[in-house]
Amino acid sequence: MFSFFKKKKIVAHIKLNGVIGNVGKFKQGIDFSGQEEIIEKAFSLKKAKAVAITINSPGGSPVQSHLIYKFIRELAKKNKIKVIVFAEDVAASGGYLIACAGDEIYANSSSIIGSIGVIYSSFGFTELIKKVGVERRVHTAGKNKSSLDPFQEEKKEDIERLKNIQLDLHKDFIKVVEESRGSKLKKNGIELFSGEFWAGSKARDLGLIDGLGNANEILKEKFGEDVVIKKFEKSKGWLSKKLSSSNNQMDHFANILEERSIWQRYGF
């Protein structure tokens, strides 16, 4: 008879969507400075039982991924609150690194999960500029300042230097995953840190996620059918809307190509 007066449980919910980093002229991606305030507000919600984070990202900047991951973990520890992460289409590379900030991770059976690795991609134009008769002129102070210049032949020492940096970044990524997932990881003869990615069902079997399901159903299972899900969304200011919809169509087109190239690694 007193159930009417029973207080409903509240969960804060934020969504991170897009490539990680300052993508394009108007910084359309997920970055720390752009998400800091909204994440802090979610963790400041009084009497919240948990903070839910939905992520849909193919990755991007390792630095921004780490900054967001660490900030979430710091706030979770400070406020003594559980973090539950939900992957949508993709939580890969830096997207999966951020997902590791969750005490629990859930995904759809068809979500793409993993890609625990580091990539650098570029083009080589040395033959092209020879054909069109262009002379490349580069002057530097510091012998390695022009490393990996796409208009010059690759040098073995430049590639080795890049590989060493990638190995350091990869070690940092692996450390985050191992600290987050711990004994939940089940390698089963599969190399989890090779950069490979899997569908949600397989990712669950490997211990990269805890289970299958979307935010609404899992949160209702955990906190009851009458759980109140308080959404925190980053508002887009008038000036940002105006700028992003005006002038320089070439910039806009280049931004789309840049973002699509990252998504398409995972078939999206």
C-alpha atoms as a PDB file:
ATOM      1  CA  MET A   1       0.000   0.000   0.000  1.00  0.00           C
ATOM      2  CA  PHE A   2       2.988   2.284   0.418  1.00  0.00           C
ATOM      3  CA  SER A   3       4.468   1.517  -3.021  1.00  0.00           C
ATOM      4  CA  PHE A   4       2.952   4.734  -4.422  1.00  0.00           C
ATOM      5  CA  PHE A   5       5.262   6.759  -2.215  1.00  0.00           C
ATOM      6  CA  LYS A   6       8.321   4.743  -3.030  1.00  0.00           C
ATOM      7  CA  LYS A   7      10.968   6.879  -4.702  1.00  0.00           C
ATOM      8  CA  LYS A   8      11.941   5.842  -8.200  1.00  0.00           C
ATOM      9  CA  LYS A   9      15.559   4.969  -8.936  1.00  0.00           C
ATOM     10  CA  ILE A  10      17.440   7.430 -11.128  1.00  0.00           C
ATOM     11  CA  VAL A  11      20.213   6.748 -13.644  1.00  0.00           C
ATOM     12  CA  ALA A  12      22.186   9.461 -15.460  1.00  0.00           C
ATOM     13  CA  HIS A  13      22.724   8.763 -19.164  1.00  0.00           C
ATOM     14  CA  ILE A  14      25.144  10.368 -21.611  1.00  0.00           C
ATOM     15  CA  LYS A  15      25.890   9.520 -25.235  1.00  0.00           C
ATOM     16  CA  LEU A  16      29.235   9.721 -27.020  1.00  0.00           C
ATOM     17  CA  ASN A  17      28.891   9.491 -30.783  1.00  0.00           C
ATOM     18  CA  GLY A  18      31.426   9.943 -33.578  1.00  0.00           C
ATOM     19  CA  VAL A  19      35.124   9.843 -34.336  1.00  0.00           C
ATOM     20  CA  ILE A  20      37.365  10.667 -31.356  1.00  0.00           C
ATOM     21  CA  GLY A  21      39.364  13.861 -31.745  1.00  0.00           C
ATOM     22  CA  ASN A  22      38.908  17.290 -33.303  1.00  0.00           C
ATOM     23  CA  VAL A  23      37.591  16.163 -36.684  1.00  0.00           C
ATOM     24  CA  GLY A  24      37.307  18.936 -39.224  1.00  0.00           C
ATOM     25  CA  LYS A  25      37.146  22.703 -39.040  1.00  0.00           C
ATOM     26  CA  PHE A  26      34.369  22.838 -36.464  1.00  0.00           C
ATOM     27  CA  LYS A  27      35.633  20.071 -34.145  1.00  0.00           C
ATOM     28  CA  GLN A  28      32.745  17.740 -34.752  1.00  0.00           C
ATOM     29  CA  GLY A  29      34.238  14.673 -33.085  1.00  0.00           C
ATOM     30  CA  ILE A  30      34.370  13.459 -29.499  1.00  0.00           C
ATOM     31  CA  ASP A  31      37.068  15.251 -27.519  1.00  0.00           C
ATOM     32  CA  PHE A  32      37.740  15.823 -23.834  1.00  0.00           C
ATOM     33  CA  SER A  33      37.131  19.578 -23.774  1.00  0.00           C
ATOM     34  CA  GLY A  34      33.844  19.144 -25.606  1.00  0.00           C
ATOM     35  CA  GLN A  35      32.578  16.383 -23.291  1.00  0.00           C
ATOM     36  CA  GLU A  36      34.057  17.354 -19.925  1.00  0.00           C
ATOM     37  CA  GLU A  37      31.151  19.513 -18.740  1.00  0.00           C
ATOM     38  CA  ILE A  38      28.386  17.091 -19.727  1.00  0.00           C
ATOM     39  CA  ILE A  39      30.191  14.115 -18.140  1.00  0.00           C
ATOM     40  CA  GLU A  40      30.691  16.089 -14.931  1.00  0.00           C
ATOM     41  CA  LYS A  41      26.993  17.038 -14.852  1.00  0.00           C
ATOM     42  CA  ALA A  42      25.969  13.402 -15.230  1.00  0.00           C
ATOM     43  CA  PHE A  43      28.127  12.365 -12.288  1.00  0.00           C
ATOM     44  CA  SER A  44      26.761  15.257 -10.218  1.00  0.00           C
ATOM     45  CA  LEU A  45      23.165  14.054 -10.458  1.00  0.00           C
ATOM     46  CA  LYS A  46      21.987  13.651  -6.870  1.00  0.00           C
ATOM     47  CA  LYS A  47      20.906  10.189  -5.695  1.00  0.00           C
ATOM     48  CA  ALA A  48      21.730   8.595  -9.062  1.00  0.00           C
ATOM     49  CA  LYS A  49      22.169   4.832  -8.794  1.00  0.00           C
ATOM     50  CA  ALA A  50      24.543   4.681 -11.765  1.00  0.00           C
ATOM     51  CA  VAL A  51      25.898   6.590 -14.740  1.00  0.00           C
ATOM     52  CA  ALA A  52      25.126   4.982 -18.090  1.00  0.00           C
ATOM     53  CA  ILE A  53      27.254   5.821 -21.120  1.00  0.00           C
ATOM     54  CA  THR A  54      26.230   4.887 -24.653  1.00  0.00           C
ATOM     55  CA  ILE A  55      29.133   4.943 -27.078  1.00  0.00           C
ATOM     56  CA  ASN A  56      29.149   4.701 -30.851  1.00  0.00           C
ATOM     57  CA  SER A  57      32.660   5.327 -32.135  1.00  0.00           C
ATOM     58  CA  PRO A  58      35.227   3.713 -34.457  1.00  0.00           C
ATOM     59  CA  GLY A  59      38.076   5.369 -32.550  1.00  0.00           C
ATOM     60  CA  GLY A  60      40.431   8.198 -33.387  1.00  0.00           C
ATOM     61  CA  SER A  61      42.827  10.133 -31.171  1.00  0.00           C
ATOM     62  CA  PRO A  62      44.523   7.963 -28.509  1.00  0.00           C
ATOM     63  CA  VAL A  63      45.173  11.032 -26.345  1.00  0.00           C
ATOM     64  CA  GLN A  64      41.530  12.162 -26.303  1.00  0.00           C
ATOM     65  CA  SER A  65      40.431   8.560 -25.675  1.00  0.00           C
ATOM     66  CA  HIS A  66      42.704   8.307 -22.624  1.00  0.00           C
ATOM     67  CA  LEU A  67      41.655  11.711 -21.285  1.00  0.00           C
ATOM     68  CA  ILE A  68      37.959  10.815 -21.430  1.00  0.00           C
ATOM     69  CA  TYR A  69      38.561   7.327 -19.997  1.00  0.00           C
ATOM     70  CA  LYS A  70      40.565   8.667 -17.046  1.00  0.00           C
ATOM     71  CA  PHE A  71      38.084  11.458 -16.339  1.00  0.00           C
ATOM     72  CA  ILE A  72      35.188   8.997 -16.165  1.00  0.00           C
ATOM     73  CA  ARG A  73      37.104   6.686 -13.833  1.00  0.00           C
ATOM     74  CA  GLU A  74      38.148   9.580 -11.586  1.00  0.00           C
ATOM     75  CA  LEU A  75      34.555  10.799 -11.236  1.00  0.00           C
ATOM     76  CA  ALA A  76      33.280   7.271 -10.654  1.00  0.00           C
ATOM     77  CA  LYS A  77      35.781   6.805  -7.831  1.00  0.00           C
ATOM     78  CA  LYS A  78      35.156  10.249  -6.353  1.00  0.00           C
ATOM     79  CA  ASN A  79      31.372   9.854  -6.352  1.00  0.00           C
ATOM     80  CA  LYS A  80      31.439   6.126  -5.556  1.00  0.00           C
ATOM     81  CA  ILE A  81      29.059   5.390  -8.391  1.00  0.00           C
ATOM     82  CA  LYS A  82      28.841   2.534 -10.868  1.00  0.00           C
ATOM     83  CA  VAL A  83      29.434   3.133 -14.578  1.00  0.00           C
ATOM     84  CA  ILE A  84      27.587   1.007 -17.138  1.00  0.00           C
ATOM     85  CA  VAL A  85      28.615   1.317 -20.786  1.00  0.00           C
ATOM     86  CA  PHE A  86      26.496   0.399 -23.804  1.00  0.00           C
ATOM     87  CA  ALA A  87      28.054  -0.009 -27.252  1.00  0.00           C
ATOM     88  CA  GLU A  88      25.876   0.701 -30.266  1.00  0.00           C
ATOM     89  CA  ASP A  89      27.100   0.056 -33.847  1.00  0.00           C
ATOM     90  CA  VAL A  90      30.793   0.304 -33.001  1.00  0.00           C
ATOM     91  CA  ALA A  91      33.015   0.531 -29.932  1.00  0.00           C
ATOM     92  CA  ALA A  92      36.357  -0.045 -31.569  1.00  0.00           C
ATOM     93  CA  SER A  93      39.903   1.171 -31.042  1.00  0.00           C
ATOM     94  CA  GLY A  94      39.650   4.394 -28.993  1.00  0.00           C
ATOM     95  CA  GLY A  95      35.905   3.812 -28.750  1.00  0.00           C
ATOM     96  CA  TYR A  96      36.547   0.538 -26.947  1.00  0.00           C
ATOM     97  CA  LEU A  97      39.218   2.185 -24.775  1.00  0.00           C
ATOM     98  CA  ILE A  98      36.595   4.648 -23.513  1.00  0.00           C
ATOM     99  CA  ALA A  99      34.142   1.766 -23.032  1.00  0.00           C
ATOM    100  CA  CYS A 100      36.665   0.215 -20.642  1.00  0.00           C
ATOM    101  CA  ALA A 101      35.812   3.034 -18.207  1.00  0.00           C
ATOM    102  CA  GLY A 102      32.657   1.063 -17.477  1.00  0.00           C
ATOM    103  CA  ASP A 103      32.370  -1.333 -14.549  1.00  0.00           C
ATOM    104  CA  GLU A 104      30.180  -3.292 -16.958  1.00  0.00           C
ATOM    105  CA  ILE A 105      29.983  -3.188 -20.764  1.00  0.00           C
ATOM    106  CA  TYR A 106      27.003  -4.281 -22.875  1.00  0.00           C
ATOM    107  CA  ALA A 107      26.497  -4.375 -26.632  1.00  0.00           C
ATOM    108  CA  ASN A 108      24.185  -5.565 -29.366  1.00  0.00           C
ATOM    109  CA  SER A 109      24.951  -9.008 -30.815  1.00  0.00           C
ATOM    110  CA  SER A 110      25.834  -7.258 -34.097  1.00  0.00           C
ATOM    111  CA  SER A 111      27.945  -4.455 -32.574  1.00  0.00           C
ATOM    112  CA  ILE A 112      31.583  -4.256 -33.637  1.00  0.00           C
ATOM    113  CA  ILE A 113      33.877  -4.507 -30.604  1.00  0.00           C
ATOM    114  CA  GLY A 114      37.644  -4.476 -30.119  1.00  0.00           C
ATOM    115  CA  SER A 115      40.341  -3.355 -32.574  1.00  0.00           C
ATOM    116  CA  ILE A 116      42.848  -3.052 -29.728  1.00  0.00           C
ATOM    117  CA  GLY A 117      45.735  -1.700 -31.745  1.00  0.00           C
ATOM    118  CA  VAL A 118      47.325   1.411 -33.246  1.00  0.00           C
ATOM    119  CA  ILE A 119      47.248   2.505 -36.878  1.00  0.00           C
ATOM    120  CA  TYR A 120      48.970   5.149 -38.983  1.00  0.00           C
ATOM    121  CA  SER A 121      47.999   5.596 -42.635  1.00  0.00           C
ATOM    122  CA  SER A 122      49.225   7.896 -45.350  1.00  0.00           C
ATOM    123  CA  PHE A 123      49.961   8.053 -49.089  1.00  0.00           C
ATOM    124  CA  GLY A 124      53.133   8.209 -51.160  1.00  0.00           C
ATOM    125  CA  PHE A 125      53.259  10.744 -53.992  1.00  0.00           C
ATOM    126  CA  THR A 126      56.908  10.458 -55.069  1.00  0.00           C
ATOM    127  CA  GLU A 127      56.157   8.981 -58.514  1.00  0.00           C
ATOM    128  CA  LEU A 128      53.284  11.396 -59.109  1.00  0.00           C
ATOM    129  CA  ILE A 129      55.306  14.551 -58.609  1.00  0.00           C
ATOM    130  CA  LYS A 130      58.002  13.172 -60.920  1.00  0.00           C
ATOM    131  CA  LYS A 131      55.413  12.617 -63.659  1.00  0.00           C
ATOM    132  CA  VAL A 132      53.933  16.096 -63.401  1.00  0.00           C
ATOM    133  CA  GLY A 133      57.334  17.738 -63.123  1.00  0.00           C
ATOM    134  CA  VAL A 134      57.034  19.105 -59.586  1.00  0.00           C
ATOM    135  CA  GLU A 135      60.219  19.718 -57.621  1.00  0.00           C
ATOM    136  CA  ARG A 136      59.922  19.171 -53.872  1.00  0.00           C
ATOM    137  CA  ARG A 137      61.779  21.752 -51.736  1.00  0.00           C
ATOM    138  CA  VAL A 138      62.013  21.167 -47.994  1.00  0.00           C
ATOM    139  CA  HIS A 139      64.313  22.982 -45.557  1.00  0.00           C
ATOM    140  CA  THR A 140      64.427  21.955 -41.905  1.00  0.00           C
ATOM    141  CA  ALA A 141      66.315  22.605 -38.696  1.00  0.00           C
ATOM    142  CA  GLY A 142      66.536  19.150 -37.177  1.00  0.00           C
ATOM    143  CA  LYS A 143      67.340  16.159 -39.370  1.00  0.00           C
ATOM    144  CA  ASN A 144      64.127  14.265 -38.509  1.00  0.00           C
ATOM    145  CA  LYS A 145      61.725  17.185 -38.925  1.00  0.00           C
ATOM    146  CA  SER A 146      60.525  15.907 -42.312  1.00  0.00           C
ATOM    147  CA  SER A 147      60.020  12.293 -41.237  1.00  0.00           C
ATOM    148  CA  LEU A 148      57.408  10.379 -43.262  1.00  0.00           C
ATOM    149  CA  ASP A 149      56.947  13.191 -45.758  1.00  0.00           C
ATOM    150  CA  PRO A 150      54.517  11.703 -48.342  1.00  0.00           C
ATOM    151  CA  PHE A 151      56.376  13.467 -51.158  1.00  0.00           C
ATOM    152  CA  GLN A 152      59.706  11.792 -50.347  1.00  0.00           C
ATOM    153  CA  GLU A 153      60.871   8.171 -50.349  1.00  0.00           C
ATOM    154  CA  GLU A 154      60.258   6.321 -47.086  1.00  0.00           C
ATOM    155  CA  LYS A 155      63.321   5.857 -44.909  1.00  0.00           C
ATOM    156  CA  LYS A 156      63.883   2.727 -42.848  1.00  0.00           C
ATOM    157  CA  GLU A 157      64.847   4.737 -39.753  1.00  0.00           C
ATOM    158  CA  ASP A 158      61.634   6.808 -39.980  1.00  0.00           C
ATOM    159  CA  ILE A 159      59.491   3.656 -40.129  1.00  0.00           C
ATOM    160  CA  GLU A 160      61.332   2.133 -37.157  1.00  0.00           C
ATOM    161  CA  ARG A 161      60.842   5.328 -35.155  1.00  0.00           C
ATOM    162  CA  LEU A 162      57.119   5.307 -35.948  1.00  0.00           C
ATOM    163  CA  LYS A 163      56.854   1.618 -35.019  1.00  0.00           C
ATOM    164  CA  ASN A 164      58.439   2.290 -31.619  1.00  0.00           C
ATOM    165  CA  ILE A 165      55.912   5.038 -30.912  1.00  0.00           C
ATOM    166  CA  GLN A 166      53.066   2.747 -31.980  1.00  0.00           C
ATOM    167  CA  LEU A 167      54.344  -0.016 -29.684  1.00  0.00           C
ATOM    168  CA  ASP A 168      54.351   2.389 -26.724  1.00  0.00           C
ATOM    169  CA  LEU A 169      50.785   3.495 -27.507  1.00  0.00           C
ATOM    170  CA  HIS A 170      49.716  -0.127 -27.929  1.00  0.00           C
ATOM    171  CA  LYS A 171      51.167  -1.043 -24.516  1.00  0.00           C
ATOM    172  CA  ASP A 172      49.176   1.779 -22.917  1.00  0.00           C
ATOM    173  CA  PHE A 173      45.995   0.534 -24.607  1.00  0.00           C
ATOM    174  CA  ILE A 174      46.594  -3.066 -23.508  1.00  0.00           C
ATOM    175  CA  LYS A 175      47.232  -1.920 -19.937  1.00  0.00           C
ATOM    176  CA  VAL A 176      43.863  -0.117 -19.827  1.00  0.00           C
ATOM    177  CA  VAL A 177      42.012  -3.187 -21.152  1.00  0.00           C
ATOM    178  CA  GLU A 178      43.738  -5.594 -18.777  1.00  0.00           C
ATOM    179  CA  GLU A 179      43.160  -3.356 -15.745  1.00  0.00           C
ATOM    180  CA  SER A 180      39.519  -2.828 -16.702  1.00  0.00           C
ATOM    181  CA  ARG A 181      38.516  -6.336 -17.731  1.00  0.00           C
ATOM    182  CA  GLY A 182      40.965  -8.324 -15.584  1.00  0.00           C
ATOM    183  CA  SER A 183      40.012 -11.967 -15.114  1.00  0.00           C
ATOM    184  CA  LYS A 184      36.953 -11.528 -17.364  1.00  0.00           C
ATOM    185  CA  LEU A 185      39.202 -11.786 -20.432  1.00  0.00           C
ATOM    186  CA  LYS A 186      39.121 -15.238 -22.024  1.00  0.00           C
ATOM    187  CA  LYS A 187      41.665 -15.535 -24.792  1.00  0.00           C
ATOM    188  CA  ASN A 188      40.790 -19.116 -25.847  1.00  0.00           C
ATOM    189  CA  GLY A 189      43.773 -19.190 -28.186  1.00  0.00           C
ATOM    190  CA  ILE A 190      42.777 -15.864 -29.757  1.00  0.00           C
ATOM    191  CA  GLU A 191      45.138 -12.886 -29.692  1.00  0.00           C
ATOM    192  CA  LEU A 192      42.938 -10.161 -28.227  1.00  0.00           C
ATOM    193  CA  PHE A 193      45.449  -7.374 -28.778  1.00  0.00           C
ATOM    194  CA  SER A 194      46.242  -7.901 -32.462  1.00  0.00           C
ATOM    195  CA  GLY A 195      43.915  -5.136 -33.673  1.00  0.00           C
ATOM    196  CA  GLU A 196      41.235  -7.655 -34.677  1.00  0.00           C
ATOM    197  CA  PHE A 197      37.583  -6.851 -33.986  1.00  0.00           C
ATOM    198  CA  TRP A 198      34.531  -9.031 -33.369  1.00  0.00           C
ATOM    199  CA  ALA A 199      30.742  -8.980 -33.347  1.00  0.00           C
ATOM    200  CA  GLY A 200      29.085  -8.469 -29.958  1.00  0.00           C
ATOM    201  CA  SER A 201      28.285 -12.153 -29.370  1.00  0.00           C
ATOM    202  CA  LYS A 202      31.912 -13.204 -29.857  1.00  0.00           C
ATOM    203  CA  ALA A 203      33.160 -10.236 -27.846  1.00  0.00           C
ATOM    204  CA  ARG A 204      31.031 -11.461 -24.934  1.00  0.00           C
ATOM    205  CA  ASP A 205      32.569 -14.953 -25.226  1.00  0.00           C
ATOM    206  CA  LEU A 206      36.035 -13.372 -25.150  1.00  0.00           C
ATOM    207  CA  GLY A 207      35.210 -11.290 -22.073  1.00  0.00           C
ATOM    208  CA  LEU A 208      35.567  -7.959 -23.849  1.00  0.00           C
ATOM    209  CA  ILE A 209      31.988  -7.164 -22.817  1.00  0.00           C
ATOM    210  CA  ASP A 210      29.729  -8.470 -20.049  1.00  0.00           C
ATOM    211  CA  GLY A 211      26.530  -9.154 -21.935  1.00  0.00           C
ATOM    212  CA  LEU A 212      24.113  -8.343 -24.728  1.00  0.00           C
ATOM    213  CA  GLY A 213      21.341  -5.771 -24.573  1.00  0.00           C
ATOM    214  CA  ASN A 214      20.504  -2.109 -25.072  1.00  0.00           C
ATOM    215  CA  ALA A 215      20.470   0.637 -22.461  1.00  0.00           C
ATOM    216  CA  ASN A 216      16.720   0.685 -21.804  1.00  0.00           C
ATOM    217  CA  GLU A 217      16.304  -3.046 -21.262  1.00  0.00           C
ATOM    218  CA  ILE A 218      19.443  -3.548 -19.189  1.00  0.00           C
ATOM    219  CA  LEU A 219      18.769  -0.538 -16.964  1.00  0.00           C
ATOM    220  CA  LYS A 220      15.197  -1.725 -16.368  1.00  0.00           C
ATOM    221  CA  GLU A 221      16.466  -5.193 -15.491  1.00  0.00           C
ATOM    222  CA  LYS A 222      18.907  -3.729 -12.982  1.00  0.00           C
ATOM    223  CA  PHE A 223      16.869  -0.913 -11.463  1.00  0.00           C
ATOM    224  CA  GLY A 224      13.236  -1.809 -12.133  1.00  0.00           C
ATOM    225  CA  GLU A 225      10.648  -1.026 -14.782  1.00  0.00           C
ATOM    226  CA  ASP A 226      10.003   2.421 -13.314  1.00  0.00           C
ATOM    227  CA  VAL A 227      13.658   3.525 -13.406  1.00  0.00           C
ATOM    228  CA  VAL A 228      14.057   7.186 -14.386  1.00  0.00           C
ATOM    229  CA  ILE A 229      16.733   7.641 -17.047  1.00  0.00           C
ATOM    230  CA  LYS A 230      17.922  11.231 -16.954  1.00  0.00           C
ATOM    231  CA  LYS A 231      19.594  12.113 -20.257  1.00  0.00           C
ATOM    232  CA  PHE A 232      22.457  14.594 -20.398  1.00  0.00           C
ATOM    233  CA  GLU A 233      23.128  15.904 -23.888  1.00  0.00           C
ATOM    234  CA  LYS A 234      25.568  18.448 -25.167  1.00  0.00           C
ATOM    235  CA  SER A 235      23.651  21.334 -26.697  1.00  0.00           C
ATOM    236  CA  LYS A 236      24.859  22.781 -29.973  1.00  0.00           C
ATOM    237  CA  GLY A 237      25.139  26.547 -29.756  1.00  0.00           C
ATOM    238  CA  TRP A 238      23.597  28.941 -32.292  1.00  0.00           C
ATOM    239  CA  LEU A 239      26.989  30.085 -33.592  1.00  0.00           C
ATOM    240  CA  SER A 240      28.214  26.526 -34.063  1.00  0.00           C
ATOM    241  CA  LYS A 241      25.067  25.636 -36.022  1.00  0.00           C
ATOM    242  CA  LYS A 242      25.420  28.756 -38.163  1.00  0.00           C
ATOM    243  CA  LEU A 243      29.069  28.176 -38.962  1.00  0.00           C
ATOM    244  CA  SER A 244      28.723  24.477 -39.684  1.00  0.00           C
ATOM    245  CA  SER A 245      25.920  25.121 -42.173  1.00  0.00           C
ATOM    246  CA  SER A 246      27.607  27.946 -44.049  1.00  0.00           C
ATOM    247  CA  ASN A 247      30.460  28.643 -46.482  1.00  0.00           C
ATOM    248  CA  ASN A 248      33.366  26.405 -47.543  1.00  0.00           C
ATOM    249  CA  GLN A 249      31.696  23.321 -48.940  1.00  0.00           C
ATOM    250  CA  MET A 250      35.104  21.831 -49.761  1.00  0.00           C
ATOM    251  CA  ASP A 251      36.053  21.864 -46.069  1.00  0.00           C
ATOM    252  CA  HIS A 252      32.765  20.164 -45.246  1.00  0.00           C
ATOM    253  CA  PHE A 253      33.317  17.534 -47.942  1.00  0.00           C
ATOM    254  CA  ALA A 254      36.881  16.865 -46.731  1.00  0.00           C
ATOM    255  CA  ASN A 255      35.601  16.443 -43.168  1.00  0.00           C
ATOM    256  CA  ILE A 256      33.043  13.880 -44.335  1.00  0.00           C
ATOM    257  CA  LEU A 257      35.695  11.901 -46.243  1.00  0.00           C
ATOM    258  CA  GLU A 258      38.031  11.944 -43.249  1.00  0.00           C
ATOM    259  CA  GLU A 259      35.350  10.681 -40.884  1.00  0.00           C
ATOM    260  CA  ARG A 260      33.957   8.099 -43.310  1.00  0.00           C
ATOM    261  CA  SER A 261      37.407   6.603 -43.869  1.00  0.00           C
ATOM    262  CA  ILE A 262      37.640   5.817 -40.154  1.00  0.00           C
ATOM    263  CA  TRP A 263      34.108   4.377 -39.917  1.00  0.00           C
ATOM    264  CA  GLN A 264      34.628   2.225 -43.026  1.00  0.00           C
ATOM    265  CA  ARG A 265      37.397   0.206 -41.384  1.00  0.00           C
ATOM    266  CA  TYR A 266      34.541  -1.528 -39.563  1.00  0.00           C
ATOM    267  CA  GLY A 267      32.121  -1.766 -42.472  1.00  0.00           C
ATOM    268  CA  PHE A 268      30.036   1.349 -41.678  1.00  0.00           C
END
